[in-house]
Structures are given as C-alpha cells and as structure tokens.
Protein backbone atom coordinates (compact mmCIF):
# COMPACT_ATOMS: atom_id res chain seq x y z
CA MET A 1 5.85 -133.03 -30.63
CA ARG A 2 3.88 -132.17 -34.39
CA THR A 3 4.61 -132.65 -37.63
CA THR A 4 3.11 -130.85 -40.93
CA LYS A 5 2.28 -132.29 -44.18
CA PRO A 6 4.30 -132.05 -46.72
CA PHE A 7 1.82 -131.10 -48.89
CA VAL A 8 1.43 -128.31 -46.80
CA MET A 9 5.29 -128.10 -46.55
CA ASN A 10 5.00 -127.60 -50.18
CA CYS A 11 3.50 -125.27 -50.87
CA VAL A 12 4.26 -123.08 -47.92
CA MET A 13 7.86 -123.39 -49.58
CA THR A 14 6.31 -122.81 -52.99
CA CYS A 15 4.60 -119.62 -52.05
CA VAL A 16 8.25 -118.58 -50.53
CA LEU A 17 10.46 -118.75 -53.32
CA ALA A 18 7.97 -117.25 -55.53
CA VAL A 19 8.03 -114.14 -54.23
CA SER A 20 11.80 -114.18 -54.04
CA ALA A 21 12.61 -115.08 -57.10
CA SER A 22 9.55 -112.69 -58.56
CA PRO A 23 11.53 -109.52 -59.36
CA LEU A 24 14.30 -112.36 -61.43
CA MET A 25 11.39 -113.69 -63.38
CA ALA A 26 10.14 -110.62 -63.50
CA ALA A 27 9.36 -110.44 -67.96
CA PRO A 28 11.49 -107.01 -69.17
CA PRO A 29 9.85 -103.45 -69.68
CA GLU A 30 8.23 -103.43 -73.68
CA SER A 31 9.34 -100.45 -75.54
CA SER A 32 8.67 -99.62 -79.11
CA GLN A 33 12.69 -100.33 -79.66
CA ALA A 34 12.21 -103.69 -78.80
CA CYS A 35 9.48 -103.59 -81.47
CA TRP A 36 11.79 -102.31 -83.61
CA GLN A 37 14.95 -104.30 -83.46
CA PRO A 38 14.12 -107.63 -84.33
CA ALA A 39 11.90 -106.43 -87.14
CA PHE A 40 14.23 -104.21 -88.57
CA GLU A 41 17.16 -106.85 -88.11
CA ALA A 42 14.70 -109.49 -90.30
CA GLY A 43 14.29 -106.16 -92.81
CA ASP A 44 10.57 -106.74 -92.46
CA ALA A 45 9.19 -103.41 -92.85
CA ASP A 46 5.34 -105.08 -92.48
CA ALA A 47 6.70 -105.66 -88.47
CA VAL A 48 8.54 -102.57 -88.36
CA ALA A 49 5.65 -100.60 -90.07
CA GLN A 50 3.79 -102.64 -86.55
CA CYS A 51 6.03 -100.80 -84.41
CA TYR A 52 5.00 -96.81 -85.16
CA ALA A 53 1.74 -95.46 -84.72
CA PRO A 54 -0.75 -95.05 -87.61
CA ASP A 55 -0.68 -91.42 -87.32
CA ALA A 56 3.36 -91.08 -86.74
CA VAL A 57 6.38 -89.18 -87.90
CA MET A 58 9.51 -90.23 -88.62
CA TRP A 59 12.05 -88.12 -90.15
CA LEU A 60 15.89 -90.84 -91.27
CA PRO A 61 19.21 -89.47 -92.62
CA GLY A 62 18.75 -88.41 -95.79
CA ALA A 63 15.32 -89.20 -96.20
CA PRO A 64 12.74 -87.41 -97.01
CA MET A 65 9.61 -87.27 -93.45
CA MET A 66 7.32 -89.64 -93.79
CA LYS A 67 4.71 -89.29 -92.20
CA GLY A 68 1.62 -91.64 -91.34
CA ARG A 69 2.09 -96.05 -90.86
CA ASP A 70 1.12 -96.09 -94.89
CA ALA A 71 4.22 -94.34 -96.13
CA ILE A 72 7.22 -95.61 -93.24
CA ARG A 73 5.75 -98.70 -93.68
CA ALA A 74 6.63 -98.05 -98.08
CA GLY A 75 10.28 -96.35 -96.68
CA TYR A 76 11.58 -98.89 -94.38
CA ALA A 77 10.50 -101.43 -97.93
CA ASP A 78 12.22 -99.30 -99.87
CA PHE A 79 15.78 -99.92 -97.61
CA PHE A 80 14.89 -103.38 -97.08
CA ALA A 81 14.74 -103.71 -101.12
CA ALA A 82 17.99 -101.89 -101.50
CA SER A 83 20.09 -103.73 -98.92
CA THR A 84 20.09 -107.05 -96.32
CA ILE A 85 21.13 -105.58 -92.74
CA LYS A 86 23.53 -107.96 -90.81
CA SER A 87 22.49 -105.84 -87.53
CA ALA A 88 21.64 -103.15 -85.55
CA LYS A 89 22.15 -102.07 -82.34
CA LEU A 90 20.83 -99.04 -80.74
CA THR A 91 22.33 -98.00 -77.31
CA GLU A 92 19.74 -95.86 -75.43
CA LEU A 93 21.73 -93.21 -73.61
CA GLY A 94 18.27 -91.73 -71.38
CA LYS A 95 14.72 -91.64 -71.08
CA VAL A 96 12.36 -89.44 -69.71
CA SER A 97 8.76 -91.69 -69.02
CA HIS A 98 5.36 -90.30 -68.25
CA GLY A 99 1.94 -93.21 -67.39
CA ASN A 100 1.57 -94.29 -71.10
CA GLU A 101 4.42 -91.16 -72.54
CA ALA A 102 8.08 -91.61 -73.35
CA SER A 103 10.94 -90.38 -74.80
CA SER A 104 14.72 -91.06 -75.33
CA TRP A 105 17.02 -91.20 -76.91
CA GLY A 106 20.03 -92.29 -78.03
CA THR A 107 22.86 -93.49 -80.68
CA PHE A 108 22.53 -95.75 -83.22
CA THR A 109 24.85 -98.95 -85.72
CA VAL A 110 23.01 -100.31 -89.04
CA VAL A 111 25.19 -102.93 -90.53
CA ALA A 112 24.37 -103.35 -94.13
CA VAL A 113 24.73 -105.36 -97.10
CA SER A 114 24.01 -103.87 -100.10
CA ARG A 115 22.10 -106.13 -102.60
CA LYS A 116 23.16 -104.66 -106.18
CA ASP A 117 26.96 -105.37 -105.44
CA GLY A 118 27.93 -106.46 -101.21
CA LYS A 119 29.42 -103.55 -100.51
CA GLU A 120 29.02 -103.88 -96.47
CA THR A 121 28.57 -100.30 -95.08
CA THR A 122 27.95 -99.35 -91.37
CA GLU A 123 25.88 -96.09 -90.51
CA VAL A 124 26.18 -94.43 -86.69
CA GLY A 125 24.41 -91.71 -85.70
CA ARG A 126 22.17 -90.55 -83.16
CA TYR A 127 18.68 -91.05 -82.05
CA THR A 128 14.87 -89.14 -80.35
CA ASP A 129 12.15 -90.94 -80.36
CA VAL A 130 8.38 -90.06 -78.51
CA SER A 131 6.06 -93.04 -77.39
CA ARG A 132 2.57 -93.73 -76.63
CA ARG A 133 1.59 -96.86 -75.26
CA ILE A 134 -1.61 -97.36 -77.19
CA ASN A 135 -4.02 -100.24 -77.35
CA GLY A 136 -0.92 -101.71 -74.51
CA ARG A 137 1.36 -101.69 -77.28
CA TRP A 138 4.47 -98.93 -77.13
CA GLN A 139 4.21 -97.27 -81.05
CA TYR A 140 6.18 -94.70 -81.67
CA LEU A 141 4.57 -91.54 -82.34
CA VAL A 142 8.60 -89.45 -83.48
CA ASP A 143 11.24 -91.34 -85.36
CA HIS A 144 13.96 -89.00 -85.78
CA ALA A 145 17.13 -90.57 -86.90
CA SER A 146 19.52 -88.64 -87.47
CA ASP A 147 24.08 -89.53 -88.89
CA ASP A 148 26.81 -88.49 -86.40
CA PRO A 149 28.83 -86.28 -88.90
CA PRO A 150 32.73 -86.65 -89.02
CA ALA A 151 34.89 -85.78 -86.84
CA THR A 152 37.07 -82.70 -88.06
CA GLY A 153 40.27 -82.33 -87.81
CA ASP A 154 41.41 -79.39 -85.00
C-alpha cells in the first residue's frame, strides 16, 4: 500500500481549491464609475477630478461645458462647496467596451443637502459616458449627465 506524504497532499488540495475558487476571488472590473462614485460621495473634488482624462469634456445639468481636468475639478469644487452629498446612485443600463475603450449609459440619483439652508434635494437624471484605460486606470473622456424631465400629465 502506498501512502502520500501530507505535504504533497496539502499542495494538491491547495491548488485544486485555488483553481476552483478563482472566479469567486477575482476582483471586480475597474471602471470610471468605480473611481467616481466614492470620490463624489466623499465630496472630494481632487479625487473626482482624477477619474477624468486630462482633456476630458463634461456636461452637467444646468451647467456649461467643462473641458479639461482642471475645469472639471473646479466645477465639482463649486458644487461641493454648496452641497453635502448624502448619497449617489448610478444604475447602469448598458455598456459597450472594446479593448481600452468603453461607453456606458444609465440613470442616476443624487441626494444632497444645501450648506446654505440645510434643505435636502434629490436630483434624478440620465448619463452617457465614454472612458479609456490610460496608464492602467479607467478615466472618463466624455461625461454627459442630464436631468430627467418631470412627467407630463396626459
């Protein structure tokens, strides 16, 4: 009768477990949204700006186009100076990616509290973005958000 040494058996079992569990342990794919959401919820304009390419373009509801990371950072800094973010939710409705480029679209809900009067507001809308992996990080090239229009009565 042949016996297997415990060390060899442990190595074999460890390899089998590692291979079978690898899909469960895989890190979620990186995205521009994964960069943006925690930075936005923290109200950190510098961190949010790092989610954008240096020459990115952004359109926000009710605001003029912002071009370049510095302008985008300034736009977020103004927004955060006026409001505390209570929550931000992005619901991705679709995504297309090819290599180092991706586009996604969906809806958003942002709950903010005015620093001036303490009033809470909820903004809902939709977004479309284009991202590129630059130096190993996904960054927005184009970020376009718009308000959902109020429902009309028929």
